[in-house]
């Protein structure tokens, strides 16, 4: 997998980010893939798409709230 700027975070950290709605440009600040949460605020739209594609190729799927 390529190196991405997304940072793995805990579910409570993700909940705080989502509750505070601190995402840029109306995007979610955190995503969950395969049960692992990631802070994606620092990713551009293209980087986020590549990150999700890479995770999906590794066998993760799904997203949701903590």
PDB file of N, CA and C in Angstrom:
ATOM      1  N   UNK A   1       0.835  -1.175   0.000  1.00  0.00           N
ATOM      2  CA  UNK A   1       0.000   0.000   0.000  1.00  0.00           C
ATOM      3  C   UNK A   1       0.879   1.237   0.000  1.00  0.00           C
ATOM      4  N   UNK A   2       0.444   2.236  -0.725  1.00  0.00           N
ATOM      5  CA  UNK A   2       1.178   3.498  -0.756  1.00  0.00           C
ATOM      6  C   UNK A   2       1.134   4.196   0.598  1.00  0.00           C
ATOM      7  N   UNK A   3       2.071   5.078   0.821  1.00  0.00           N
ATOM      8  CA  UNK A   3       2.094   5.874   2.042  1.00  0.00           C
ATOM      9  C   UNK A   3       1.052   6.977   1.919  1.00  0.00           C
ATOM     10  N   UNK A   4       0.193   7.082   2.884  1.00  0.00           N
ATOM     11  CA  UNK A   4      -0.843   8.111   2.895  1.00  0.00           C
ATOM     12  C   UNK A   4      -0.706   8.950   4.154  1.00  0.00           C
ATOM     13  N   UNK A   5      -1.258  10.158   4.096  1.00  0.00           N
ATOM     14  CA  UNK A   5      -1.194  11.064   5.230  1.00  0.00           C
ATOM     15  C   UNK A   5      -2.298  10.807   6.247  1.00  0.00           C
ATOM     16  N   UNK A   6      -3.191   9.871   5.957  1.00  0.00           N
ATOM     17  CA  UNK A   6      -4.266   9.556   6.895  1.00  0.00           C
ATOM     18  C   UNK A   6      -3.659   8.925   8.145  1.00  0.00           C
ATOM     19  N   UNK A   7      -4.188   9.323   9.287  1.00  0.00           N
ATOM     20  CA  UNK A   7      -3.672   8.845  10.568  1.00  0.00           C
ATOM     21  C   UNK A   7      -4.716   7.936  11.199  1.00  0.00           C
ATOM     22  N   UNK A   8      -4.287   6.763  11.662  1.00  0.00           N
ATOM     23  CA  UNK A   8      -5.197   5.866  12.361  1.00  0.00           C
ATOM     24  C   UNK A   8      -5.537   6.480  13.713  1.00  0.00           C
ATOM     25  N   UNK A   9      -6.836   6.489  14.043  1.00  0.00           N
ATOM     26  CA  UNK A   9      -7.305   7.059  15.304  1.00  0.00           C
ATOM     27  C   UNK A   9      -8.264   6.078  15.970  1.00  0.00           C
ATOM     28  N   UNK A  10      -8.596   6.367  17.218  1.00  0.00           N
ATOM     29  CA  UNK A  10      -9.528   5.521  17.959  1.00  0.00           C
ATOM     30  C   UNK A  10     -10.970   5.931  17.638  1.00  0.00           C
ATOM     31  N   UNK A  11     -11.912   5.065  17.964  1.00  0.00           N
ATOM     32  CA  UNK A  11     -13.326   5.369  17.747  1.00  0.00           C
ATOM     33  C   UNK A  11     -13.765   6.611  18.531  1.00  0.00           C
ATOM     34  N   UNK A  12     -13.341   6.798  19.797  1.00  0.00           N
ATOM     35  CA  UNK A  12     -13.727   8.023  20.509  1.00  0.00           C
ATOM     36  C   UNK A  12     -13.162   9.297  19.846  1.00  0.00           C
ATOM     37  N   UNK A  13     -11.938   9.207  19.324  1.00  0.00           N
ATOM     38  CA  UNK A  13     -11.365  10.360  18.616  1.00  0.00           C
ATOM     39  C   UNK A  13     -12.179  10.655  17.359  1.00  0.00           C
ATOM     40  N   UNK A  14     -12.576   9.609  16.652  1.00  0.00           N
ATOM     41  CA  UNK A  14     -13.387   9.783  15.443  1.00  0.00           C
ATOM     42  C   UNK A  14     -14.737  10.400  15.798  1.00  0.00           C
ATOM     43  N   UNK A  15     -15.336   9.928  16.877  1.00  0.00           N
ATOM     44  CA  UNK A  15     -16.624  10.468  17.308  1.00  0.00           C
ATOM     45  C   UNK A  15     -16.518  11.958  17.615  1.00  0.00           C
ATOM     46  N   UNK A  16     -15.440  12.356  18.263  1.00  0.00           N
ATOM     47  CA  UNK A  16     -15.238  13.778  18.582  1.00  0.00           C
ATOM     48  C   UNK A  16     -15.088  14.595  17.307  1.00  0.00           C
ATOM     49  N   UNK A  17     -14.342  14.083  16.338  1.00  0.00           N
ATOM     50  CA  UNK A  17     -14.172  14.797  15.075  1.00  0.00           C
ATOM     51  C   UNK A  17     -15.505  14.907  14.333  1.00  0.00           C
ATOM     52  N   UNK A  18     -16.245  13.812  14.280  1.00  0.00           N
ATOM     53  CA  UNK A  18     -17.523  13.811  13.575  1.00  0.00           C
ATOM     54  C   UNK A  18     -18.546  14.693  14.282  1.00  0.00           C
ATOM     55  N   UNK A  19     -18.546  14.667  15.597  1.00  0.00           N
ATOM     56  CA  UNK A  19     -19.482  15.496  16.359  1.00  0.00           C
ATOM     57  C   UNK A  19     -19.185  16.972  16.159  1.00  0.00           C
ATOM     58  N   UNK A  20     -17.900  17.311  16.146  1.00  0.00           N
ATOM     59  CA  UNK A  20     -17.501  18.697  15.947  1.00  0.00           C
ATOM     60  C   UNK A  20     -17.570  19.130  14.499  1.00  0.00           C
ATOM     61  N   UNK A  21     -17.797  18.173  13.589  1.00  0.00           N
ATOM     62  CA  UNK A  21     -17.889  18.443  12.158  1.00  0.00           C
ATOM     63  C   UNK A  21     -16.751  19.329  11.687  1.00  0.00           C
ATOM     64  N   UNK A  22     -15.531  18.898  11.998  1.00  0.00           N
ATOM     65  CA  UNK A  22     -14.344  19.684  11.672  1.00  0.00           C
ATOM     66  C   UNK A  22     -13.759  19.340  10.309  1.00  0.00           C
ATOM     67  N   UNK A  23     -14.527  18.723   9.439  1.00  0.00           N
ATOM     68  CA  UNK A  23     -14.050  18.357   8.104  1.00  0.00           C
ATOM     69  C   UNK A  23     -13.941  19.570   7.210  1.00  0.00           C
ATOM     70  N   UNK A  24     -13.039  19.507   6.264  1.00  0.00           N
ATOM     71  CA  UNK A  24     -12.864  20.601   5.305  1.00  0.00           C
ATOM     72  C   UNK A  24     -13.825  20.421   4.144  1.00  0.00           C
ATOM     73  N   UNK A  25     -14.358  21.518   3.657  1.00  0.00           N
ATOM     74  CA  UNK A  25     -15.200  21.520   2.455  1.00  0.00           C
ATOM     75  C   UNK A  25     -16.417  20.610   2.577  1.00  0.00           C
ATOM     76  N   UNK A  26     -16.964  20.478   3.771  1.00  0.00           N
ATOM     77  CA  UNK A  26     -18.142  19.654   3.958  1.00  0.00           C
ATOM     78  C   UNK A  26     -17.879  18.160   3.927  1.00  0.00           C
ATOM     79  N   UNK A  27     -16.615  17.756   3.860  1.00  0.00           N
ATOM     80  CA  UNK A  27     -16.270  16.331   3.858  1.00  0.00           C
ATOM     81  C   UNK A  27     -16.164  15.827   5.284  1.00  0.00           C
ATOM     82  N   UNK A  28     -16.374  14.530   5.440  1.00  0.00           N
ATOM     83  CA  UNK A  28     -16.223  13.919   6.760  1.00  0.00           C
ATOM     84  C   UNK A  28     -14.759  13.975   7.178  1.00  0.00           C
ATOM     85  N   UNK A  29     -14.485  14.311   8.435  1.00  0.00           N
ATOM     86  CA  UNK A  29     -13.101  14.399   8.898  1.00  0.00           C
ATOM     87  C   UNK A  29     -12.488  13.040   9.224  1.00  0.00           C
ATOM     88  N   UNK A  30     -13.351  12.009   9.344  1.00  0.00           N
ATOM     89  CA  UNK A  30     -12.860  10.672   9.684  1.00  0.00           C
ATOM     90  C   UNK A  30     -13.691   9.637   8.947  1.00  0.00           C
ATOM     91  N   UNK A  31     -13.039   8.526   8.609  1.00  0.00           N
ATOM     92  CA  UNK A  31     -13.741   7.418   7.972  1.00  0.00           C
ATOM     93  C   UNK A  31     -13.359   6.130   8.682  1.00  0.00           C
ATOM     94  N   UNK A  32     -14.239   5.159   8.554  1.00  0.00           N
ATOM     95  CA  UNK A  32     -13.984   3.840   9.120  1.00  0.00           C
ATOM     96  C   UNK A  32     -13.980   2.833   7.995  1.00  0.00           C
ATOM     97  N   UNK A  33     -12.906   2.087   7.908  1.00  0.00           N
ATOM     98  CA  UNK A  33     -12.796   1.028   6.915  1.00  0.00           C
ATOM     99  C   UNK A  33     -12.258  -0.209   7.613  1.00  0.00           C
ATOM    100  N   UNK A  34     -12.986  -1.298   7.492  1.00  0.00           N
ATOM    101  CA  UNK A  34     -12.551  -2.528   8.129  1.00  0.00           C
ATOM    102  C   UNK A  34     -12.502  -2.452   9.639  1.00  0.00           C
ATOM    103  N   UNK A  35     -13.329  -1.586  10.231  1.00  0.00           N
ATOM    104  CA  UNK A  35     -13.349  -1.450  11.681  1.00  0.00           C
ATOM    105  C   UNK A  35     -12.263  -0.552  12.251  1.00  0.00           C
ATOM    106  N   UNK A  36     -11.418  -0.006  11.395  1.00  0.00           N
ATOM    107  CA  UNK A  36     -10.350   0.898  11.821  1.00  0.00           C
ATOM    108  C   UNK A  36     -10.705   2.315  11.379  1.00  0.00           C
ATOM    109  N   UNK A  37     -10.533   3.254  12.288  1.00  0.00           N
ATOM    110  CA  UNK A  37     -10.846   4.653  12.000  1.00  0.00           C
ATOM    111  C   UNK A  37      -9.602   5.401  11.544  1.00  0.00           C
ATOM    112  N   UNK A  38      -9.804   6.343  10.610  1.00  0.00           N
ATOM    113  CA  UNK A  38      -8.715   7.159  10.080  1.00  0.00           C
ATOM    114  C   UNK A  38      -9.129   8.627  10.062  1.00  0.00           C
ATOM    115  N   UNK A  39      -8.217   9.495  10.487  1.00  0.00           N
ATOM    116  CA  UNK A  39      -8.387  10.941  10.376  1.00  0.00           C
ATOM    117  C   UNK A  39      -7.953  11.306   8.967  1.00  0.00           C
ATOM    118  N   UNK A  40      -8.885  11.776   8.152  1.00  0.00           N
ATOM    119  CA  UNK A  40      -8.590  12.061   6.741  1.00  0.00           C
ATOM    120  C   UNK A  40      -8.655  13.559   6.424  1.00  0.00           C
ATOM    121  N   UNK A  41      -8.601  14.388   7.454  1.00  0.00           N
ATOM    122  CA  UNK A  41      -8.697  15.836   7.233  1.00  0.00           C
ATOM    123  C   UNK A  41      -7.563  16.378   6.374  1.00  0.00           C
ATOM    124  N   UNK A  42      -6.391  15.772   6.442  1.00  0.00           N
ATOM    125  CA  UNK A  42      -5.240  16.306   5.712  1.00  0.00           C
ATOM    126  C   UNK A  42      -5.174  15.828   4.260  1.00  0.00           C
ATOM    127  N   UNK A  43      -6.104  14.963   3.860  1.00  0.00           N
ATOM    128  CA  UNK A  43      -6.066  14.428   2.502  1.00  0.00           C
ATOM    129  C   UNK A  43      -6.887  15.290   1.543  1.00  0.00           C
ATOM    130  N   UNK A  44      -6.366  15.449   0.346  1.00  0.00           N
ATOM    131  CA  UNK A  44      -7.141  16.103  -0.710  1.00  0.00           C
ATOM    132  C   UNK A  44      -8.190  15.113  -1.201  1.00  0.00           C
ATOM    133  N   UNK A  45      -9.102  15.560  -2.032  1.00  0.00           N
ATOM    134  CA  UNK A  45     -10.128  14.672  -2.569  1.00  0.00           C
ATOM    135  C   UNK A  45      -9.486  13.511  -3.328  1.00  0.00           C
ATOM    136  N   UNK A  46      -8.488  13.808  -4.147  1.00  0.00           N
ATOM    137  CA  UNK A  46      -7.803  12.761  -4.924  1.00  0.00           C
ATOM    138  C   UNK A  46      -7.055  11.796  -4.003  1.00  0.00           C
ATOM    139  N   UNK A  47      -6.382  12.327  -2.981  1.00  0.00           N
ATOM    140  CA  UNK A  47      -5.656  11.470  -2.038  1.00  0.00           C
ATOM    141  C   UNK A  47      -6.619  10.567  -1.265  1.00  0.00           C
ATOM    142  N   UNK A  48      -7.762  11.116  -0.882  1.00  0.00           N
ATOM    143  CA  UNK A  48      -8.763  10.329  -0.167  1.00  0.00           C
ATOM    144  C   UNK A  48      -9.264   9.184  -1.039  1.00  0.00           C
ATOM    145  N   UNK A  49      -9.525   9.469  -2.304  1.00  0.00           N
ATOM    146  CA  UNK A  49      -9.977   8.422  -3.230  1.00  0.00           C
ATOM    147  C   UNK A  49      -8.923   7.324  -3.360  1.00  0.00           C
ATOM    148  N   UNK A  50      -7.673   7.697  -3.489  1.00  0.00           N
ATOM    149  CA  UNK A  50      -6.583   6.709  -3.590  1.00  0.00           C
ATOM    150  C   UNK A  50      -6.455   5.908  -2.304  1.00  0.00           C
ATOM    151  N   UNK A  51      -6.583   6.576  -1.166  1.00  0.00           N
ATOM    152  CA  UNK A  51      -6.487   5.909   0.130  1.00  0.00           C
ATOM    153  C   UNK A  51      -7.585   4.857   0.268  1.00  0.00           C
ATOM    154  N   UNK A  52      -8.823   5.231  -0.056  1.00  0.00           N
ATOM    155  CA  UNK A  52      -9.937   4.297   0.038  1.00  0.00           C
ATOM    156  C   UNK A  52      -9.749   3.147  -0.950  1.00  0.00           C
ATOM    157  N   UNK A  53      -9.288   3.452  -2.156  1.00  0.00           N
ATOM    158  CA  UNK A  53      -9.012   2.393  -3.143  1.00  0.00           C
ATOM    159  C   UNK A  53      -7.976   1.413  -2.612  1.00  0.00           C
ATOM    160  N   UNK A  54      -6.902   1.933  -2.019  1.00  0.00           N
ATOM    161  CA  UNK A  54      -5.853   1.064  -1.476  1.00  0.00           C
ATOM    162  C   UNK A  54      -6.387   0.173  -0.356  1.00  0.00           C
ATOM    163  N   UNK A  55      -7.182   0.757   0.554  1.00  0.00           N
ATOM    164  CA  UNK A  55      -7.755  -0.031   1.646  1.00  0.00           C
ATOM    165  C   UNK A  55      -8.706  -1.099   1.102  1.00  0.00           C
ATOM    166  N   UNK A  56      -9.490  -0.737   0.115  1.00  0.00           N
ATOM    167  CA  UNK A  56     -10.431  -1.682  -0.483  1.00  0.00           C
ATOM    168  C   UNK A  56      -9.692  -2.845  -1.130  1.00  0.00           C
ATOM    169  N   UNK A  57      -8.610  -2.545  -1.821  1.00  0.00           N
ATOM    170  CA  UNK A  57      -7.811  -3.607  -2.441  1.00  0.00           C
ATOM    171  C   UNK A  57      -7.234  -4.553  -1.395  1.00  0.00           C
ATOM    172  N   UNK A  58      -6.978  -4.048  -0.215  1.00  0.00           N
ATOM    173  CA  UNK A  58      -6.439  -4.902   0.863  1.00  0.00           C
ATOM    174  C   UNK A  58      -7.530  -5.725   1.532  1.00  0.00           C
ATOM    175  N   UNK A  59      -8.797  -5.519   1.148  1.00  0.00           N
ATOM    176  CA  UNK A  59      -9.867  -6.345   1.671  1.00  0.00           C
ATOM    177  C   UNK A  59     -10.779  -5.690   2.675  1.00  0.00           C
ATOM    178  N   UNK A  60     -10.600  -4.404   2.921  1.00  0.00           N
ATOM    179  CA  UNK A  60     -11.498  -3.706   3.828  1.00  0.00           C
ATOM    180  C   UNK A  60     -12.696  -3.191   3.062  1.00  0.00           C
ATOM    181  N   UNK A  61     -13.821  -3.045   3.761  1.00  0.00           N
ATOM    182  CA  UNK A  61     -14.987  -2.418   3.129  1.00  0.00           C
ATOM    183  C   UNK A  61     -15.882  -1.854   4.226  1.00  0.00           C
ATOM    184  N   UNK A  62     -16.729  -0.909   3.848  1.00  0.00           N
ATOM    185  CA  UNK A  62     -17.705  -0.344   4.762  1.00  0.00           C
ATOM    186  C   UNK A  62     -17.246   0.938   5.419  1.00  0.00           C
ATOM    187  N   UNK A  63     -18.193   1.688   5.947  1.00  0.00           N
ATOM    188  CA  UNK A  63     -17.916   2.888   6.727  1.00  0.00           C
ATOM    189  C   UNK A  63     -19.120   3.128   7.608  1.00  0.00           C
ATOM    190  N   UNK A  64     -18.958   3.969   8.591  1.00  0.00           N
ATOM    191  CA  UNK A  64     -20.061   4.267   9.478  1.00  0.00           C
ATOM    192  C   UNK A  64     -19.614   5.065  10.681  1.00  0.00           C
ATOM    193  N   UNK A  65     -20.517   5.295  11.568  1.00  0.00           N
ATOM    194  CA  UNK A  65     -20.206   6.088  12.752  1.00  0.00           C
ATOM    195  C   UNK A  65     -19.673   5.185  13.862  1.00  0.00           C
ATOM    196  N   UNK A  66     -18.885   5.763  14.758  1.00  0.00           N
ATOM    197  CA  UNK A  66     -18.349   4.966  15.868  1.00  0.00           C
ATOM    198  C   UNK A  66     -19.424   4.554  16.839  1.00  0.00           C
TER     199      UNK A  66
END
